[in-house]
C-alpha atoms as a PDB file:
ATOM      1  CA  MET A   1     -13.031-127.208  19.988  1.00  0.00           C
ATOM      2  CA  THR A   2     -15.257-126.513  16.898  1.00  0.00           C
ATOM      3  CA  SER A   3     -14.086-123.936  14.665  1.00  0.00           C
ATOM      4  CA  GLN A   4     -16.520-122.043  12.499  1.00  0.00           C
ATOM      5  CA  VAL A   5     -16.779-119.722   9.716  1.00  0.00           C
ATOM      6  CA  VAL A   6     -20.159-117.666   8.773  1.00  0.00           C
ATOM      7  CA  ILE A   7     -20.272-116.252   4.980  1.00  0.00           C
ATOM      8  CA  ILE A   8     -22.908-114.056   4.443  1.00  0.00           C
ATOM      9  CA  MET A   9     -23.551-112.926   0.914  1.00  0.00           C
ATOM     10  CA  GLY A  10     -25.471-109.743  -0.108  1.00  0.00           C
ATOM     11  CA  SER A  11     -27.024-112.081  -3.074  1.00  0.00           C
ATOM     12  CA  LYS A  12     -26.905-115.432  -4.503  1.00  0.00           C
ATOM     13  CA  GLY A  13     -24.823-113.682  -7.345  1.00  0.00           C
ATOM     14  CA  ASP A  14     -21.965-113.910  -5.171  1.00  0.00           C
ATOM     15  CA  LEU A  15     -22.150-117.710  -4.404  1.00  0.00           C
ATOM     16  CA  SER A  16     -19.073-118.558  -7.046  1.00  0.00           C
ATOM     17  CA  HIS A  17     -17.029-115.940  -4.724  1.00  0.00           C
ATOM     18  CA  ALA A  18     -17.716-117.307  -1.695  1.00  0.00           C
ATOM     19  CA  GLN A  19     -17.119-120.530  -3.112  1.00  0.00           C
ATOM     20  CA  SER A  20     -13.722-119.505  -3.541  1.00  0.00           C
ATOM     21  CA  ILE A  21     -13.002-118.897  -0.166  1.00  0.00           C
ATOM     22  CA  THR A  22     -14.696-122.173   0.798  1.00  0.00           C
ATOM     23  CA  LYS A  23     -12.364-124.196  -1.246  1.00  0.00           C
ATOM     24  CA  THR A  24      -9.725-122.938   1.218  1.00  0.00           C
ATOM     25  CA  LEU A  25     -11.983-123.354   4.761  1.00  0.00           C
ATOM     26  CA  LYS A  26     -12.174-127.011   3.447  1.00  0.00           C
ATOM     27  CA  ALA A  27      -8.415-127.251   2.719  1.00  0.00           C
ATOM     28  CA  LEU A  28      -7.782-126.297   6.500  1.00  0.00           C
ATOM     29  CA  GLU A  29     -10.777-128.269   8.186  1.00  0.00           C
ATOM     30  CA  ILE A  30     -12.609-125.634   9.138  1.00  0.00           C
ATOM     31  CA  SER A  31     -16.499-125.756   9.347  1.00  0.00           C
ATOM     32  CA  TYR A  32     -18.522-122.921   7.687  1.00  0.00           C
ATOM     33  CA  GLU A  33     -21.838-121.932   6.881  1.00  0.00           C
ATOM     34  CA  MET A  34     -23.253-120.002   4.146  1.00  0.00           C
ATOM     35  CA  ARG A  35     -25.816-117.543   4.355  1.00  0.00           C
ATOM     36  CA  VAL A  36     -27.739-114.538   2.336  1.00  0.00           C
ATOM     37  CA  CYS A  37     -29.086-111.371   3.443  1.00  0.00           C
ATOM     38  CA  SER A  38     -28.636-108.188   2.287  1.00  0.00           C
ATOM     39  CA  ALA A  39     -28.272-105.122   4.747  1.00  0.00           C
ATOM     40  CA  HIS A  40     -29.857-102.703   2.358  1.00  0.00           C
ATOM     41  CA  LYS A  41     -32.677-104.768   1.360  1.00  0.00           C
ATOM     42  CA  ALA A  42     -33.311-106.985   4.495  1.00  0.00           C
ATOM     43  CA  THR A  43     -31.781-105.516   7.805  1.00  0.00           C
ATOM     44  CA  ARG A  44     -34.302-106.936   9.880  1.00  0.00           C
ATOM     45  CA  ARG A  45     -33.259-110.575   8.830  1.00  0.00           C
ATOM     46  CA  LEU A  46     -29.976-109.686   8.933  1.00  0.00           C
ATOM     47  CA  LEU A  47     -29.899-108.950  12.552  1.00  0.00           C
ATOM     48  CA  GLU A  48     -32.246-112.206  13.132  1.00  0.00           C
ATOM     49  CA  ILE A  49     -29.392-114.059  11.833  1.00  0.00           C
ATOM     50  CA  LEU A  50     -27.039-112.610  13.724  1.00  0.00           C
ATOM     51  CA  HIS A  51     -28.459-113.077  16.662  1.00  0.00           C
ATOM     52  CA  GLY A  52     -28.940-116.565  15.858  1.00  0.00           C
ATOM     53  CA  TYR A  53     -25.017-116.871  16.214  1.00  0.00           C
ATOM     54  CA  GLU A  54     -23.994-114.738  18.917  1.00  0.00           C
ATOM     55  CA  GLN A  55     -24.490-117.494  21.660  1.00  0.00           C
ATOM     56  CA  GLN A  56     -21.858-119.766  19.319  1.00  0.00           C
ATOM     57  CA  GLY A  57     -18.475-119.611  19.437  1.00  0.00           C
ATOM     58  CA  PRO A  58     -15.545-119.019  18.326  1.00  0.00           C
ATOM     59  CA  LEU A  59     -16.677-117.950  14.840  1.00  0.00           C
ATOM     60  CA  VAL A  60     -15.590-115.187  12.415  1.00  0.00           C
ATOM     61  CA  TYR A  61     -18.010-114.129   9.917  1.00  0.00           C
ATOM     62  CA  ILE A  62     -16.565-113.271   5.948  1.00  0.00           C
ATOM     63  CA  THR A  63     -19.197-110.730   4.361  1.00  0.00           C
ATOM     64  CA  ILE A  64     -19.403-110.873   0.411  1.00  0.00           C
ATOM     65  CA  ALA A  65     -21.141-107.709  -1.005  1.00  0.00           C
ATOM     66  CA  GLY A  66     -20.262-105.321  -3.821  1.00  0.00           C
ATOM     67  CA  ARG A  67     -21.297-101.991  -4.904  1.00  0.00           C
ATOM     68  CA  SER A  68     -22.587-100.169  -1.834  1.00  0.00           C
ATOM     69  CA  ASN A  69     -21.124-102.530   1.130  1.00  0.00           C
ATOM     70  CA  ALA A  70     -23.021-102.015   4.127  1.00  0.00           C
ATOM     71  CA  LEU A  71     -23.238-105.606   5.017  1.00  0.00           C
ATOM     72  CA  SER A  72     -19.941-106.024   6.544  1.00  0.00           C
ATOM     73  CA  ALA A  73     -19.823-102.871   8.520  1.00  0.00           C
ATOM     74  CA  VAL A  74     -23.734-103.589   9.849  1.00  0.00           C
ATOM     75  CA  VAL A  75     -22.655-107.262  10.614  1.00  0.00           C
ATOM     76  CA  ASP A  76     -19.884-105.763  12.519  1.00  0.00           C
ATOM     77  CA  ALA A  77     -21.298-102.995  14.364  1.00  0.00           C
ATOM     78  CA  ASN A  78     -24.042-105.852  15.923  1.00  0.00           C
ATOM     79  CA  THR A  79     -21.769-108.792  16.543  1.00  0.00           C
ATOM     80  CA  ARG A  80     -19.097-109.642  19.162  1.00  0.00           C
ATOM     81  CA  TYR A  81     -17.057-111.787  16.424  1.00  0.00           C
ATOM     82  CA  PRO A  82     -14.279-110.649  13.722  1.00  0.00           C
ATOM     83  CA  VAL A  83     -16.162-109.718  10.697  1.00  0.00           C
ATOM     84  CA  ILE A  84     -13.930-109.650   7.192  1.00  0.00           C
ATOM     85  CA  ALA A  85     -15.080-108.041   4.431  1.00  0.00           C
ATOM     86  CA  CYS A  86     -14.165-109.778   0.905  1.00  0.00           C
ATOM     87  CA  PRO A  87     -15.993-107.824  -1.467  1.00  0.00           C
ATOM     88  CA  PRO A  88     -15.786-109.230  -5.488  1.00  0.00           C
ATOM     89  CA  TYR A  89     -14.423-106.979  -7.795  1.00  0.00           C
ATOM     90  CA  SER A  90     -16.181-105.646 -10.345  1.00  0.00           C
ATOM     91  CA  ASP A  91     -14.895-104.085 -13.434  1.00  0.00           C
ATOM     92  CA  ARG A  92     -18.608-101.825 -14.103  1.00  0.00           C
ATOM     93  CA  PHE A  93     -17.266 -99.135 -11.415  1.00  0.00           C
ATOM     94  CA  ALA A  94     -13.450 -99.925 -12.175  1.00  0.00           C
ATOM     95  CA  GLY A  95     -13.204-101.289  -8.848  1.00  0.00           C
ATOM     96  CA  MET A  96     -14.310 -97.801  -7.219  1.00  0.00           C
ATOM     97  CA  ASP A  97     -17.236 -99.855  -5.382  1.00  0.00           C
ATOM     98  CA  LEU A  98     -14.665-101.365  -3.202  1.00  0.00           C
ATOM     99  CA  LEU A  99     -14.124 -97.939  -1.647  1.00  0.00           C
ATOM    100  CA  SER A 100     -17.366 -98.425   0.235  1.00  0.00           C
ATOM    101  CA  SER A 101     -15.355-101.421   2.304  1.00  0.00           C
ATOM    102  CA  LEU A 102     -12.386 -99.240   2.851  1.00  0.00           C
ATOM    103  CA  ARG A 103     -14.066 -96.110   4.534  1.00  0.00           C
ATOM    104  CA  LEU A 104     -16.012 -97.363   7.584  1.00  0.00           C
ATOM    105  CA  PRO A 105     -17.811 -95.125  10.329  1.00  0.00           C
ATOM    106  CA  SER A 106     -16.219 -95.172  13.573  1.00  0.00           C
ATOM    107  CA  GLY A 107     -16.262 -97.946  15.900  1.00  0.00           C
ATOM    108  CA  ILE A 108     -16.201-100.804  12.825  1.00  0.00           C
ATOM    109  CA  ALA A 109     -13.212-102.697  12.666  1.00  0.00           C
ATOM    110  CA  SER A 110     -13.964-105.222   9.602  1.00  0.00           C
ATOM    111  CA  PRO A 111     -10.988-105.388   7.456  1.00  0.00           C
ATOM    112  CA  THR A 112     -11.231-105.905   3.392  1.00  0.00           C
ATOM    113  CA  ILE A 113      -9.241-108.553   2.195  1.00  0.00           C
ATOM    114  CA  LEU A 114      -9.887-108.579  -1.716  1.00  0.00           C
ATOM    115  CA  GLU A 115      -8.641-112.113  -2.573  1.00  0.00           C
ATOM    116  CA  PRO A 116     -11.161-115.267  -1.435  1.00  0.00           C
ATOM    117  CA  GLU A 117      -8.285-117.188   0.186  1.00  0.00           C
ATOM    118  CA  GLY A 118      -6.632-114.751   2.012  1.00  0.00           C
ATOM    119  CA  ALA A 119     -10.051-113.909   3.799  1.00  0.00           C
ATOM    120  CA  ALA A 120     -10.500-117.614   4.357  1.00  0.00           C
ATOM    121  CA  LEU A 121      -6.950-117.709   5.661  1.00  0.00           C
ATOM    122  CA  LEU A 122      -7.204-114.398   7.978  1.00  0.00           C
ATOM    123  CA  ALA A 123     -10.069-116.178   9.537  1.00  0.00           C
ATOM    124  CA  ALA A 124      -8.285-119.146   9.838  1.00  0.00           C
ATOM    125  CA  LYS A 125      -5.762-117.673  11.511  1.00  0.00           C
ATOM    126  CA  ILE A 126      -8.063-115.718  14.070  1.00  0.00           C
ATOM    127  CA  LEU A 127      -9.587-118.783  15.005  1.00  0.00           C
ATOM    128  CA  ALA A 128      -6.040-120.600  15.539  1.00  0.00           C
ATOM    129  CA  LEU A 129      -5.258-118.285  18.449  1.00  0.00           C
ATOM    130  CA  ALA A 130      -7.474-120.537  20.471  1.00  0.00           C
ATOM    131  CA  ASP A 131      -7.063-123.842  18.634  1.00  0.00           C
ATOM    132  CA  ALA A 132      -3.715-125.623  19.000  1.00  0.00           C
ATOM    133  CA  GLN A 133      -4.735-127.650  16.063  1.00  0.00           C
ATOM    134  CA  LEU A 134      -5.902-125.567  13.979  1.00  0.00           C
ATOM    135  CA  GLN A 135      -2.802-123.371  14.103  1.00  0.00           C
ATOM    136  CA  GLN A 136      -0.480-126.332  13.268  1.00  0.00           C
ATOM    137  CA  ARG A 137      -3.578-126.792  10.220  1.00  0.00           C
ATOM    138  CA  VAL A 138      -2.324-123.289   8.931  1.00  0.00           C
ATOM    139  CA  LEU A 139       1.452-123.709   9.209  1.00  0.00           C
ATOM    140  CA  ASN A 140       1.256-126.772   7.319  1.00  0.00           C
ATOM    141  CA  TYR A 141      -0.905-125.109   4.916  1.00  0.00           C
ATOM    142  CA  LYS A 142       1.816-122.325   4.405  1.00  0.00           C
ATOM    143  CA  GLU A 143       4.409-124.976   4.166  1.00  0.00           C
ATOM    144  CA  ARG A 144       2.980-126.685   1.367  1.00  0.00           C
ATOM    145  CA  LEU A 145       2.514-123.310  -0.276  1.00  0.00           C
ATOM    146  CA  VAL A 146       6.203-122.879  -0.014  1.00  0.00           C
ATOM    147  CA  ALA A 147       7.459-126.424  -1.072  1.00  0.00           C
ATOM    148  CA  GLU A 148       4.992-125.752  -4.354  1.00  0.00           C
ATOM    149  CA  LEU A 149       7.384-122.530  -4.693  1.00  0.00           C
ATOM    150  CA  ALA A 150      10.308-124.621  -4.331  1.00  0.00           C
ATOM    151  CA  THR A 151       9.298-127.076  -6.578  1.00  0.00           C
ATOM    152  CA  ALA A 152       8.159-124.330  -9.644  1.00  0.00           C
ATOM    153  CA  ASP A 153      11.553-122.840  -9.240  1.00  0.00           C
ATOM    154  CA  GLU A 154      13.144-126.234  -9.646  1.00  0.00           C
ATOM    155  CA  GLU A 155      11.503-126.544 -12.894  1.00  0.00           C
ATOM    156  CA  VAL A 156      12.104-123.332 -14.118  1.00  0.00           C
ATOM    157  CA  GLN A 157      15.949-123.805 -13.207  1.00  0.00           C
ATOM    158  CA  GLN A 158      15.826-127.359 -15.383  1.00  0.00           C
ATOM    159  CA  GLY A 159      14.321-125.469 -18.423  1.00  0.00           C
END
């Protein structure tokens, strides 16, 4: 079974944030695609992109949009697949732009995960529900994190 994550950025300026997500997806051996489309500026184009993925599966969308994040809600409203919002933090508005990812209309269910690694991990866990090999890769990934903490603990104790 081929798992896939589709990362949709609101602009090319979100590319470095997207690349932080792909780092974890690569570690978990999950295939992905990156796309750029704005829900505000190019809604029709966004709907065309989503339509192209509707017969594929399983997949999870991760959306990256700052300021007024309509992208996550529009994607969620127009797909049968899970959508994870992973907006980049901006000091420009003291983080208040994140609220547009949190307060969503009824019928929209896209969780917001601020850390790119966390968004990738949630996508992996969703896909792993139907993929035993991916379940094992997620477990291995988490075990590596625990091992790294144990090593750090030993280093700190030894001074």
